[in-house]
Amino acid sequence: MRSVLNGFLGTVSAVLFGLLVVTTTWQVIARQVIHQPSTWSEELAKLLFVWLAFLGSALLFGERGHIAVDFLARRLPVVGQRVAQCFVQLMVLLFALVGMVWGGVLSSSIAWNQNMTALPVNLGWVYTVIPIAGVFIAVFAAMDLVAVARGTQAPYDAAEEI
C-alpha cells in the first residue's frame, strides 16, 4: 500500500512541478519579452507551489526521507527505541489528524467564500490541500506505528552521517 501511495504522490508532485515550471516560465516571458505581465500566472504559480509543498511533504514522510533528530533515541536499547518511535508516530498521527485534517477543513471552509484576485478560483482551494496531505501523513504514520509496534520494521533506519 505504501508503494502505491508513494507512487501516486510522486506522480501528482511531478505533474504539479511541471505545471509550476511552465507557469513561471510563461510569467517571465510575458513580463520580460512581451512586456505584458500576465495577471493570472503569479496566482496560479502560488497555488501550484502550495499544493506541491504539502503533497511533496506527504511524499517525503511516506518515504521516511524527512529530517529526524534521533541521536538520543538511537542510544536506547531496542525496546526503548521501539517505545520512542511509537511515541513519535502517535504524535505525528495526532498532529496530522487534528492540526492538518481538522484544522485544514476549518481553514478551507472559512476561506471558501473568498475568491482569488486574478483567477476564477475560490481561495478555499488553496487550503484544501492541507487536510488532503494530513490524511496521507496520518495513513503513513499509522502504518509506521503498527509496523514498529509489531516489530516488522526497525524503529530507526541505519544512521546516515552528514
Protein backbone atom coordinates (compact mmCIF):
# COMPACT_ATOMS: atom_id res chain seq x y z
CA MET A 1 0.00 0.00 0.00
CA ARG A 2 2.85 2.36 0.85
CA SER A 3 4.38 2.00 -2.61
CA VAL A 4 1.02 2.72 -4.27
CA LEU A 5 0.50 5.87 -2.18
CA ASN A 6 4.10 6.99 -2.75
CA GLY A 7 3.73 6.37 -6.47
CA PHE A 8 0.52 8.38 -6.59
CA LEU A 9 2.01 11.26 -4.59
CA GLY A 10 5.16 11.18 -6.71
CA THR A 11 3.17 11.36 -9.94
CA VAL A 12 0.97 14.20 -8.68
CA SER A 13 4.02 16.08 -7.39
CA ALA A 14 5.80 15.68 -10.73
CA VAL A 15 2.76 16.99 -12.60
CA LEU A 16 2.41 19.94 -10.21
CA PHE A 17 6.11 20.71 -10.56
CA GLY A 18 5.87 20.60 -14.35
CA LEU A 19 2.87 22.94 -14.31
CA LEU A 20 4.72 25.25 -11.92
CA VAL A 21 7.72 25.41 -14.27
CA VAL A 22 5.52 26.11 -17.30
CA THR A 23 3.51 28.76 -15.44
CA THR A 24 6.59 30.51 -14.08
CA THR A 25 8.30 30.38 -17.47
CA TRP A 26 5.24 31.95 -19.07
CA GLN A 27 5.23 34.62 -16.37
CA VAL A 28 8.85 35.55 -17.12
CA ILE A 29 8.32 35.53 -20.90
CA ALA A 30 5.17 37.65 -20.62
CA ARG A 31 6.89 40.19 -18.39
CA GLN A 32 10.37 40.37 -19.93
CA VAL A 33 9.85 39.51 -23.61
CA ILE A 34 6.30 40.53 -24.47
CA HIS A 35 6.24 43.38 -21.91
CA GLN A 36 2.66 42.49 -20.94
CA PRO A 37 2.69 40.92 -17.48
CA SER A 38 0.30 38.05 -17.04
CA THR A 39 -2.13 38.70 -14.19
CA TRP A 40 -3.15 35.11 -13.62
CA SER A 41 0.21 33.33 -13.79
CA GLU A 42 1.53 34.64 -10.48
CA GLU A 43 -1.52 33.44 -8.55
CA LEU A 44 -1.52 30.10 -10.33
CA ALA A 45 2.17 29.67 -9.51
CA LYS A 46 1.45 30.38 -5.83
CA LEU A 47 -1.43 27.88 -5.81
CA LEU A 48 0.69 25.21 -7.50
CA PHE A 49 3.59 25.85 -5.12
CA VAL A 50 1.39 25.45 -2.03
CA TRP A 51 -0.07 22.19 -3.34
CA LEU A 52 3.38 20.94 -4.34
CA ALA A 53 4.84 21.77 -0.92
CA PHE A 54 2.15 19.95 1.05
CA LEU A 55 1.86 16.91 -1.20
CA GLY A 56 5.64 16.74 -1.52
CA SER A 57 5.90 16.80 2.28
CA ALA A 58 3.47 13.90 2.50
CA LEU A 59 5.52 12.02 -0.12
CA LEU A 60 8.75 12.64 1.77
CA PHE A 61 7.14 11.48 5.02
CA GLY A 62 5.86 8.34 3.29
CA GLU A 63 9.35 7.55 2.04
CA ARG A 64 10.76 8.21 5.52
CA GLY A 65 13.07 10.76 3.95
CA HIS A 66 12.40 13.65 6.31
CA ILE A 67 14.91 15.04 8.77
CA ALA A 68 14.82 13.27 12.12
CA VAL A 69 16.63 14.32 15.27
CA ASP A 70 17.08 10.88 16.74
CA PHE A 71 20.59 10.81 18.17
CA LEU A 72 19.28 10.28 21.72
CA ALA A 73 16.75 7.62 20.74
CA ARG A 74 19.42 5.64 18.89
CA ARG A 75 21.38 5.31 22.15
CA LEU A 76 18.48 3.48 23.80
CA PRO A 77 18.16 -0.30 23.82
CA VAL A 78 15.96 -1.77 21.06
CA VAL A 79 12.86 -1.84 23.28
CA GLY A 80 13.40 1.81 24.20
CA GLN A 81 13.85 2.68 20.54
CA ARG A 82 10.53 1.00 19.74
CA VAL A 83 8.77 2.88 22.51
CA ALA A 84 10.30 6.20 21.40
CA GLN A 85 9.40 5.59 17.75
CA CYS A 86 5.83 4.59 18.68
CA PHE A 87 5.52 7.80 20.71
CA VAL A 88 6.83 9.87 17.79
CA GLN A 89 4.41 8.21 15.35
CA LEU A 90 1.50 8.77 17.76
CA MET A 91 2.37 12.46 17.99
CA VAL A 92 2.65 12.75 14.20
CA LEU A 93 -0.68 10.94 13.83
CA LEU A 94 -2.31 13.29 16.36
CA PHE A 95 -0.91 16.39 14.65
CA ALA A 96 -1.90 15.15 11.19
CA LEU A 97 -5.47 14.41 12.25
CA VAL A 98 -6.11 17.40 14.50
CA GLY A 99 -3.83 20.08 13.09
CA MET A 100 -3.91 19.26 9.42
CA VAL A 101 -7.17 17.42 8.72
CA TRP A 102 -9.49 19.10 11.22
CA GLY A 103 -7.72 22.48 11.13
CA GLY A 104 -7.37 22.34 7.35
CA VAL A 105 -11.07 21.65 6.88
CA LEU A 106 -11.88 24.63 9.13
CA SER A 107 -9.45 26.91 7.27
CA SER A 108 -10.74 25.78 3.91
CA SER A 109 -14.37 26.31 4.88
CA ILE A 110 -13.63 29.80 6.20
CA ALA A 111 -11.80 30.78 3.00
CA TRP A 112 -14.33 29.13 0.69
CA ASN A 113 -16.41 32.32 0.35
CA GLN A 114 -13.41 34.35 -0.81
CA ASN A 115 -12.16 34.46 -4.38
CA MET A 116 -8.63 34.78 -5.64
CA THR A 117 -7.92 38.13 -7.27
CA ALA A 118 -6.78 37.12 -10.74
CA LEU A 119 -8.11 33.56 -11.01
CA PRO A 120 -11.74 32.45 -11.04
CA VAL A 121 -10.98 30.09 -8.14
CA ASN A 122 -12.17 30.07 -4.54
CA LEU A 123 -9.44 30.75 -2.02
CA GLY A 124 -10.60 27.62 -0.21
CA TRP A 125 -8.86 25.53 -2.87
CA VAL A 126 -5.52 26.82 -1.58
CA TYR A 127 -6.31 25.44 1.89
CA THR A 128 -7.92 22.20 0.68
CA VAL A 129 -4.52 20.59 0.24
CA ILE A 130 -3.84 20.79 4.00
CA PRO A 131 -6.38 18.13 5.04
CA ILE A 132 -5.54 16.05 1.96
CA ALA A 133 -1.85 15.98 2.91
CA GLY A 134 -2.86 15.40 6.53
CA VAL A 135 -4.76 12.25 5.57
CA PHE A 136 -1.74 10.90 3.68
CA ILE A 137 0.61 11.69 6.57
CA ALA A 138 -1.81 10.13 9.07
CA VAL A 139 -2.01 6.94 7.00
CA PHE A 140 1.78 6.73 6.75
CA ALA A 141 2.18 7.41 10.49
CA ALA A 142 -0.39 4.72 11.33
CA MET A 143 1.38 2.24 9.04
CA ASP A 144 4.74 3.01 10.66
CA LEU A 145 3.24 2.82 14.15
CA VAL A 146 1.77 -0.63 13.51
CA ALA A 147 4.96 -1.89 11.83
CA VAL A 148 7.23 -0.70 14.65
CA ALA A 149 4.87 -1.98 17.36
CA ARG A 150 4.70 -5.42 15.70
CA GLY A 151 8.45 -5.50 15.19
CA THR A 152 8.22 -5.83 11.41
CA GLN A 153 10.07 -2.54 10.89
CA ALA A 154 13.19 -1.27 12.60
CA PRO A 155 12.45 1.74 14.81
CA TYR A 156 15.17 3.74 13.09
CA ASP A 157 16.85 3.20 9.75
CA ALA A 158 20.61 2.94 9.54
CA ALA A 159 22.11 6.28 10.51
CA GLU A 160 23.28 8.50 7.70
CA GLU A 161 26.04 10.78 8.86
CA ILE A 162 26.41 14.12 7.17
